[in-house]
Amino acid sequence: MPQFLHPLRFTGARILRDGEMQRRSIAIAEGRITKGPLPEVDLTGYLILPGIVDLHADTVDRHLPRMAAPLAPDLALAASDRDAAAHGVTTGWLAQDWSWEGGHRAPDRAEALMAALAAYRPRMLTDLRLQLRCEIHTVGTAERLLEAIGRYRIDYVVFHNRLDAAAERAQDRPWPPPCRADRDGLAAAQAAMPDVPRYLCRLAEAFDAMGVLYGSHGDPDGETRERFSMIGARIAEFPTTRRAAAAAKAMNDPVLLGAPDVMRDGSQPGQVPATDLIAQGLCDALVSDFYYPALTHAVWRLVDLGLKTLPQAWAMVSQRPAEILRLPDRGRLDIGKRADLCVINERTRAVEMTIAGGRLTYLAGEAAHRFVHRIHALDMAAE
């Protein structure tokens, strides 16, 4: 694991503090934001913002091609780690399915990724965790699921129902016929339907006892969101309609939307545009989904459209996600909190430095020249 940076004070930048951009300095030491006179690094022309807290990233699949001989998951984790750091992410959840569908969505794959993430943790730059996307028809896996969550300390689960879509695909594509494993999986999932409500209640009770936060993915309507909320699945990830998002807000359930949908000024076909939901106050936080660069691009798009100020937009990728996942030590640049900083060139809007937990995880551009020059001067002075 990288070492803590020298105690430093960054000066000259505009810093997001107390909900507004302020021209002031910020100091870090031993992994925390601190105060007092310290050696200075001039970051005039830069913005210093809280590190991004990303609640859903599908990047592992992108770095783990589906080959006849699969690559080791630790390679995908290392690539995702570096990718996250390069885009200002200091805490992030990697999404992984737990499904009856098999293949890369199977419980075997999920457990392998959990084990790989635990083994990779000592080398980790970003604080990476795992979000399990649990298919609601995996009724027969309850014991295995809860054992894996406990063993690997999984802290975030979302429920998902892909059965209807899978059944429709099977009907619409009679040829070539699905393989036997797919047919058997679909049949077993359909047979499990009567047991789903009891299964979900059992998981919800166990999650509450274990301290696991949970929600649902892709709610199609308000009734679905209400049912999930009633069992404690309070986080609404990617609702597909305005009614689902509005129902979540009416019940004070946080709504998460994909930053790529903001960046490209649209959503999936048939879904309400993300910018419309944000304009209507029906979104709490943005997540990277399948594309880490979208996080900062979405923030700037909201600013340029006049939908949010920079502090308001940035809170959607830092403060609010940290609050939703109950991480009181991050998401804000306050004394005593974890030193998670995202440093952005104010002119180009590019991330040029990321500090996660007081450790330097990414450095590029002009910020690199200033930083390295200052650290070299400090080392020379120490000698």
Protein backbone atom coordinates (compact mmCIF):
# COMPACT_ATOMS: atom_id res chain seq x y z
CA MET A 1 0.00 0.00 0.00
CA PRO A 2 1.38 3.48 -0.84
CA GLN A 3 2.80 5.50 2.03
CA PHE A 4 1.24 8.66 3.40
CA LEU A 5 2.38 11.86 1.77
CA HIS A 6 4.61 14.27 3.66
CA PRO A 7 2.52 16.65 5.78
CA LEU A 8 1.63 19.39 3.29
CA ARG A 9 -0.47 22.50 2.84
CA PHE A 10 -1.96 23.23 -0.58
CA THR A 11 -2.33 26.95 -1.26
CA GLY A 12 -3.69 29.21 -4.01
CA ALA A 13 -6.52 26.92 -5.14
CA ARG A 14 -10.27 27.33 -4.84
CA ILE A 15 -11.53 24.76 -2.34
CA LEU A 16 -15.01 23.36 -1.78
CA ARG A 17 -15.75 23.96 1.91
CA ASP A 18 -19.07 24.40 3.69
CA GLY A 19 -21.06 24.20 0.46
CA GLU A 20 -19.21 26.94 -1.41
CA MET A 21 -16.01 27.54 -3.34
CA GLN A 22 -13.51 29.36 -1.13
CA ARG A 23 -10.07 30.78 -1.78
CA ARG A 24 -8.16 29.21 1.08
CA SER A 25 -5.54 26.58 1.87
CA ILE A 26 -5.97 23.00 3.02
CA ALA A 27 -3.48 20.86 4.95
CA ILE A 28 -3.09 17.07 5.20
CA ALA A 29 -1.02 14.87 7.49
CA GLU A 30 -1.09 11.18 8.43
CA GLY A 31 -4.04 10.49 6.16
CA ARG A 32 -6.28 13.21 7.59
CA ILE A 33 -7.20 16.80 6.85
CA THR A 34 -5.49 18.91 9.48
CA LYS A 35 -4.40 22.46 10.28
CA GLY A 36 -1.29 24.34 11.28
CA PRO A 37 1.80 25.62 9.45
CA LEU A 38 3.16 23.00 7.03
CA PRO A 39 5.33 22.99 3.89
CA GLU A 40 3.30 24.47 1.03
CA VAL A 41 2.53 23.42 -2.53
CA ASP A 42 1.15 26.19 -4.76
CA LEU A 43 -1.96 25.04 -6.64
CA THR A 44 -3.07 28.39 -8.01
CA GLY A 45 -5.37 27.77 -10.97
CA TYR A 46 -6.76 24.54 -9.53
CA LEU A 47 -9.91 23.37 -7.78
CA ILE A 48 -9.59 21.13 -4.72
CA LEU A 49 -12.72 19.07 -4.23
CA PRO A 50 -13.65 16.13 -1.99
CA GLY A 51 -12.67 12.76 -3.43
CA ILE A 52 -15.42 11.09 -5.43
CA VAL A 53 -17.45 8.37 -3.71
CA ASP A 54 -18.77 6.12 -6.50
CA LEU A 55 -21.55 3.74 -5.51
CA HIS A 56 -21.71 1.63 -8.68
CA ALA A 57 -19.05 0.81 -11.28
CA ASP A 58 -19.27 -1.93 -13.89
CA THR A 59 -15.61 -1.57 -14.85
CA VAL A 60 -14.43 -5.03 -13.78
CA ASP A 61 -16.23 -6.66 -16.71
CA ARG A 62 -14.59 -4.20 -19.09
CA HIS A 63 -11.16 -5.22 -17.78
CA LEU A 64 -12.03 -8.93 -17.67
CA PRO A 65 -12.78 -10.09 -21.23
CA ARG A 66 -15.00 -13.14 -21.57
CA MET A 67 -12.48 -15.56 -23.02
CA ALA A 68 -12.33 -19.33 -23.26
CA ALA A 69 -9.53 -19.15 -20.67
CA PRO A 70 -10.62 -16.31 -18.34
CA LEU A 71 -8.04 -13.84 -17.09
CA ALA A 72 -7.23 -13.68 -13.39
CA PRO A 73 -9.57 -11.20 -11.63
CA ASP A 74 -6.67 -9.51 -9.84
CA LEU A 75 -5.59 -8.02 -13.18
CA ALA A 76 -9.04 -6.52 -13.66
CA LEU A 77 -9.04 -5.18 -10.10
CA ALA A 78 -5.66 -3.49 -10.56
CA ALA A 79 -6.82 -1.92 -13.82
CA SER A 80 -10.08 -0.74 -12.23
CA ASP A 81 -8.14 0.66 -9.29
CA ARG A 82 -5.87 2.76 -11.50
CA ASP A 83 -8.80 3.82 -13.68
CA ALA A 84 -10.74 5.01 -10.63
CA ALA A 85 -7.80 6.98 -9.26
CA ALA A 86 -7.19 8.69 -12.61
CA HIS A 87 -10.73 10.06 -12.52
CA GLY A 88 -10.83 11.36 -8.96
CA VAL A 89 -12.48 8.37 -7.28
CA THR A 90 -11.23 7.73 -3.75
CA THR A 91 -13.92 5.27 -2.59
CA GLY A 92 -15.82 3.04 -4.99
CA TRP A 93 -18.08 -0.01 -5.20
CA LEU A 94 -17.54 -2.49 -8.02
CA ALA A 95 -20.83 -4.03 -9.13
CA GLN A 96 -21.10 -7.82 -9.43
CA ASP A 97 -24.17 -9.93 -10.12
CA TRP A 98 -25.37 -12.85 -8.00
CA SER A 99 -27.76 -14.49 -10.41
CA TRP A 100 -29.37 -17.70 -11.63
CA GLU A 101 -28.22 -16.80 -15.15
CA GLY A 102 -24.77 -18.35 -14.85
CA GLY A 103 -21.54 -17.33 -16.56
CA HIS A 104 -20.12 -14.00 -15.44
CA ARG A 105 -23.29 -13.39 -13.38
CA ALA A 106 -23.12 -16.64 -11.41
CA PRO A 107 -22.46 -16.96 -7.66
CA ASP A 108 -19.18 -18.76 -8.49
CA ARG A 109 -17.93 -15.68 -10.30
CA ALA A 110 -19.10 -13.41 -7.46
CA GLU A 111 -17.27 -15.44 -4.82
CA ALA A 112 -14.12 -15.53 -6.92
CA LEU A 113 -14.21 -11.75 -7.25
CA MET A 114 -14.81 -11.33 -3.51
CA ALA A 115 -11.77 -13.48 -2.75
CA ALA A 116 -9.65 -11.64 -5.30
CA LEU A 117 -10.65 -8.26 -3.88
CA ALA A 118 -9.75 -9.36 -0.34
CA ALA A 119 -6.34 -10.57 -1.54
CA TYR A 120 -5.74 -7.38 -3.53
CA ARG A 121 -6.65 -5.02 -0.67
CA PRO A 122 -3.09 -4.60 0.72
CA ARG A 123 -1.98 -3.20 -2.67
CA MET A 124 -5.07 -1.08 -3.21
CA LEU A 125 -4.83 2.62 -4.11
CA THR A 126 -8.55 3.43 -4.12
CA ASP A 127 -10.80 2.15 -1.32
CA LEU A 128 -12.57 -0.40 -3.54
CA ARG A 129 -15.49 -2.47 -2.26
CA LEU A 130 -18.03 -4.81 -3.80
CA GLN A 131 -21.69 -4.16 -4.49
CA LEU A 132 -23.70 -7.34 -5.01
CA ARG A 133 -26.58 -7.11 -7.46
CA CYS A 134 -28.75 -9.97 -6.21
CA GLU A 135 -31.35 -11.43 -8.56
CA ILE A 136 -34.53 -11.87 -6.55
CA HIS A 137 -35.20 -15.38 -7.90
CA THR A 138 -31.99 -16.89 -6.49
CA VAL A 139 -34.06 -18.39 -3.70
CA GLY A 140 -32.00 -21.56 -3.36
CA THR A 141 -28.77 -19.69 -2.67
CA ALA A 142 -29.80 -17.92 0.56
CA GLU A 143 -27.37 -19.70 2.88
CA ARG A 144 -24.50 -19.42 0.43
CA LEU A 145 -25.20 -15.74 -0.21
CA LEU A 146 -25.34 -14.77 3.46
CA GLU A 147 -22.23 -16.80 4.26
CA ALA A 148 -20.28 -15.07 1.47
CA ILE A 149 -21.50 -11.62 2.54
CA GLY A 150 -20.40 -12.28 6.10
CA ARG A 151 -17.06 -13.83 5.19
CA TYR A 152 -16.04 -11.05 2.80
CA ARG A 153 -17.73 -8.21 4.71
CA ILE A 154 -19.88 -7.06 1.82
CA ASP A 155 -21.65 -3.88 2.91
CA TYR A 156 -23.94 -3.03 -0.02
CA VAL A 157 -26.51 -5.13 -1.92
CA VAL A 158 -29.17 -4.21 -4.46
CA PHE A 159 -32.04 -6.45 -5.54
CA HIS A 160 -32.72 -6.87 -9.24
CA ASN A 161 -35.35 -8.71 -11.29
CA ARG A 162 -34.11 -9.79 -14.70
CA LEU A 163 -36.44 -12.76 -15.06
CA ASP A 164 -39.15 -11.06 -17.12
CA ALA A 165 -36.64 -9.67 -19.60
CA ALA A 166 -34.92 -13.06 -19.90
CA ALA A 167 -38.24 -14.82 -20.52
CA GLU A 168 -39.15 -12.30 -23.21
CA ARG A 169 -35.81 -12.80 -24.93
CA ALA A 170 -36.31 -16.56 -24.91
CA GLN A 171 -39.71 -16.15 -26.60
CA ASP A 172 -38.54 -13.58 -29.13
CA ARG A 173 -35.52 -15.64 -30.23
CA PRO A 174 -36.71 -19.20 -30.87
CA TRP A 175 -33.57 -19.91 -32.92
CA PRO A 176 -30.91 -20.77 -32.08
CA PRO A 177 -32.41 -22.48 -29.04
CA PRO A 178 -30.87 -21.57 -25.67
CA CYS A 179 -28.36 -23.99 -24.24
CA ARG A 180 -29.51 -26.45 -21.61
CA ALA A 181 -27.90 -24.50 -18.75
CA ASP A 182 -29.80 -21.38 -19.77
CA ARG A 183 -33.08 -23.29 -20.09
CA ASP A 184 -32.59 -24.95 -16.72
CA GLY A 185 -31.69 -21.66 -15.04
CA LEU A 186 -34.73 -19.89 -16.47
CA ALA A 187 -37.02 -22.75 -15.48
CA ALA A 188 -35.65 -22.84 -11.93
CA ALA A 189 -36.04 -19.08 -11.58
CA GLN A 190 -39.65 -19.23 -12.78
CA ALA A 191 -40.40 -22.08 -10.38
CA ALA A 192 -39.00 -20.03 -7.49
CA MET A 193 -41.43 -17.12 -8.00
CA PRO A 194 -43.85 -18.07 -5.17
CA ASP A 195 -40.96 -18.12 -2.68
CA VAL A 196 -39.47 -14.74 -3.63
CA PRO A 197 -41.32 -12.56 -1.06
CA ARG A 198 -40.28 -14.81 1.84
CA TYR A 199 -36.71 -14.94 0.46
CA LEU A 200 -36.42 -11.17 0.26
CA CYS A 201 -37.77 -10.71 3.79
CA ARG A 202 -35.28 -13.24 5.09
CA LEU A 203 -32.40 -11.46 3.39
CA ALA A 204 -33.60 -8.07 4.61
CA GLU A 205 -33.73 -9.29 8.21
CA ALA A 206 -30.23 -10.76 7.91
CA PHE A 207 -28.85 -7.62 6.26
CA ASP A 208 -30.21 -5.46 9.06
CA ALA A 209 -28.51 -7.68 11.63
CA MET A 210 -25.24 -7.64 9.67
CA GLY A 211 -25.22 -3.88 9.03
CA VAL A 212 -25.51 -4.33 5.25
CA LEU A 213 -27.12 -1.45 3.36
CA TYR A 214 -29.44 -2.51 0.57
CA GLY A 215 -31.72 -1.22 -2.16
CA SER A 216 -33.06 -2.15 -5.57
CA HIS A 217 -31.92 -1.75 -9.16
CA GLY A 218 -34.06 -0.61 -12.09
CA ASP A 219 -37.46 -0.11 -10.42
CA PRO A 220 -40.01 0.19 -13.25
CA ASP A 221 -42.80 1.84 -11.25
CA GLY A 222 -43.79 3.33 -7.92
CA GLU A 223 -45.40 0.14 -6.65
CA THR A 224 -42.18 -1.83 -7.07
CA ARG A 225 -40.20 0.86 -5.26
CA GLU A 226 -42.74 0.92 -2.43
CA ARG A 227 -42.54 -2.86 -1.97
CA PHE A 228 -38.77 -2.76 -1.75
CA SER A 229 -38.81 0.22 0.59
CA MET A 230 -41.23 -1.57 2.93
CA ILE A 231 -38.74 -4.40 3.55
CA GLY A 232 -35.86 -1.96 4.12
CA ALA A 233 -34.34 -1.80 0.63
CA ARG A 234 -34.27 1.98 0.74
CA ILE A 235 -31.76 2.85 -2.00
CA ALA A 236 -33.31 3.29 -5.47
CA GLU A 237 -30.62 2.64 -8.07
CA PHE A 238 -31.42 3.53 -11.68
CA PRO A 239 -35.24 3.80 -11.51
CA THR A 240 -36.48 3.59 -15.09
CA THR A 241 -39.51 5.90 -14.79
CA ARG A 242 -40.38 9.22 -13.23
CA ARG A 243 -43.04 7.53 -11.10
CA ALA A 244 -40.50 5.17 -9.58
CA ALA A 245 -38.10 8.06 -8.80
CA ALA A 246 -40.93 10.20 -7.42
CA ALA A 247 -42.11 7.35 -5.19
CA ALA A 248 -38.60 6.98 -3.82
CA LYS A 249 -38.34 10.67 -3.01
CA ALA A 250 -41.80 10.64 -1.41
CA MET A 251 -40.53 7.93 0.96
CA ASN A 252 -37.18 9.71 1.51
CA ASP A 253 -35.33 6.92 -0.28
CA PRO A 254 -32.17 8.14 -2.06
CA VAL A 255 -32.19 7.93 -5.86
CA LEU A 256 -29.02 7.06 -7.80
CA LEU A 257 -28.66 7.73 -11.53
CA GLY A 258 -25.91 6.98 -14.02
CA ALA A 259 -23.48 9.79 -14.81
CA PRO A 260 -23.14 8.56 -18.44
CA ASP A 261 -26.85 9.29 -18.94
CA VAL A 262 -26.26 12.90 -17.87
CA MET A 263 -23.12 13.20 -19.96
CA ARG A 264 -24.78 12.00 -23.17
CA ASP A 265 -28.01 13.95 -22.53
CA GLY A 266 -30.19 10.89 -22.48
CA SER A 267 -30.96 7.58 -20.85
CA GLN A 268 -31.66 4.07 -22.03
CA PRO A 269 -34.37 3.77 -24.71
CA GLY A 270 -37.80 4.14 -23.14
CA GLN A 271 -36.45 5.61 -19.91
CA VAL A 272 -36.88 9.14 -18.62
CA PRO A 273 -33.82 11.36 -19.29
CA ALA A 274 -31.55 11.70 -16.27
CA THR A 275 -31.32 15.48 -16.67
CA ASP A 276 -35.12 15.72 -16.45
CA LEU A 277 -35.15 13.84 -13.16
CA ILE A 278 -32.35 16.01 -11.80
CA ALA A 279 -34.15 19.20 -12.86
CA GLN A 280 -37.23 17.95 -10.99
CA GLY A 281 -35.24 17.25 -7.81
CA LEU A 282 -35.60 13.48 -8.18
CA CYS A 283 -31.95 12.47 -7.98
CA ASP A 284 -29.61 12.44 -4.99
CA ALA A 285 -26.37 11.03 -6.37
CA LEU A 286 -24.62 10.07 -9.59
CA VAL A 287 -22.59 6.91 -10.18
CA SER A 288 -20.07 6.01 -12.87
CA ASP A 289 -22.00 2.93 -14.09
CA PHE A 290 -19.82 1.67 -16.95
CA TYR A 291 -17.59 4.76 -17.48
CA TYR A 292 -15.47 6.45 -14.79
CA PRO A 293 -14.81 9.66 -16.81
CA ALA A 294 -18.56 10.35 -16.85
CA LEU A 295 -18.52 11.38 -13.19
CA THR A 296 -16.68 14.67 -13.67
CA HIS A 297 -18.15 15.26 -17.13
CA ALA A 298 -21.66 14.92 -15.72
CA VAL A 299 -20.86 17.43 -12.98
CA TRP A 300 -19.68 20.01 -15.49
CA ARG A 301 -22.67 19.35 -17.74
CA LEU A 302 -25.07 20.07 -14.89
CA VAL A 303 -23.16 23.28 -14.18
CA ASP A 304 -23.13 24.34 -17.84
CA LEU A 305 -26.86 23.63 -18.19
CA GLY A 306 -27.56 25.78 -15.15
CA LEU A 307 -29.22 22.90 -13.31
CA LYS A 308 -26.72 22.96 -10.43
CA THR A 309 -23.93 25.12 -9.06
CA LEU A 310 -20.52 23.44 -8.89
CA PRO A 311 -20.82 22.78 -5.11
CA GLN A 312 -24.30 21.30 -5.61
CA ALA A 313 -23.26 19.13 -8.55
CA TRP A 314 -20.07 17.94 -6.87
CA ALA A 315 -22.01 16.97 -3.74
CA MET A 316 -23.86 14.46 -5.94
CA VAL A 317 -20.62 12.52 -6.47
CA SER A 318 -19.02 13.05 -3.06
CA GLN A 319 -20.99 14.22 -0.03
CA ARG A 320 -24.36 12.62 -0.81
CA PRO A 321 -22.97 9.19 -1.78
CA ALA A 322 -20.91 9.19 1.41
CA GLU A 323 -24.02 10.00 3.43
CA ILE A 324 -26.09 7.34 1.66
CA LEU A 325 -23.52 4.61 2.43
CA ARG A 326 -22.97 6.05 5.93
CA LEU A 327 -19.33 7.05 5.62
CA PRO A 328 -19.06 10.08 7.93
CA ASP A 329 -15.29 10.40 7.50
CA ARG A 330 -15.38 11.31 3.79
CA GLY A 331 -17.25 13.33 1.16
CA ARG A 332 -16.35 16.71 2.73
CA LEU A 333 -13.13 18.66 3.21
CA ASP A 334 -13.32 19.23 6.96
CA ILE A 335 -10.69 19.07 9.69
CA GLY A 336 -10.24 15.52 10.96
CA LYS A 337 -11.85 13.79 7.99
CA ARG A 338 -10.06 11.35 5.72
CA ALA A 339 -7.72 13.13 3.33
CA ASP A 340 -9.56 12.34 0.08
CA LEU A 341 -8.87 15.07 -2.48
CA CYS A 342 -9.62 15.47 -6.16
CA VAL A 343 -7.55 18.24 -7.76
CA ILE A 344 -8.88 19.63 -11.05
CA ASN A 345 -7.26 22.06 -13.47
CA GLU A 346 -9.73 24.96 -13.49
CA ARG A 347 -9.02 25.86 -17.11
CA THR A 348 -9.12 22.37 -18.69
CA ARG A 349 -11.45 20.76 -16.12
CA ALA A 350 -9.17 17.70 -16.11
CA VAL A 351 -8.37 15.70 -12.99
CA GLU A 352 -4.64 16.10 -12.42
CA MET A 353 -4.21 14.76 -8.90
CA THR A 354 -6.03 12.34 -6.62
CA ILE A 355 -5.20 11.74 -2.98
CA ALA A 356 -7.01 8.87 -1.24
CA GLY A 357 -6.66 8.51 2.50
CA GLY A 358 -3.61 10.78 2.47
CA ARG A 359 -1.88 8.67 -0.19
CA LEU A 360 -1.05 9.94 -3.66
CA THR A 361 -2.90 7.70 -6.13
CA TYR A 362 -2.77 9.78 -9.33
CA LEU A 363 -0.67 12.71 -10.57
CA ALA A 364 -0.41 14.26 -14.03
CA GLY A 365 -0.12 17.51 -15.98
CA GLU A 366 1.09 20.81 -14.57
CA ALA A 367 0.10 19.70 -11.07
CA ALA A 368 2.71 16.96 -11.33
CA HIS A 369 5.45 19.48 -12.15
CA ARG A 370 4.55 21.70 -9.21
CA PHE A 371 4.15 18.81 -6.80
CA VAL A 372 7.33 16.97 -7.73
CA HIS A 373 9.36 20.19 -7.68
CA ARG A 374 8.11 21.00 -4.18
CA ILE A 375 8.67 17.51 -2.81
CA HIS A 376 12.20 17.52 -4.28
CA ALA A 377 12.88 20.83 -2.55
CA LEU A 378 11.65 19.39 0.76
CA ASP A 379 13.89 16.34 0.37
CA MET A 380 16.90 18.54 -0.41
CA ALA A 381 16.18 20.67 2.64
CA ALA A 382 15.92 17.56 4.82
CA GLU A 383 19.35 16.45 3.68
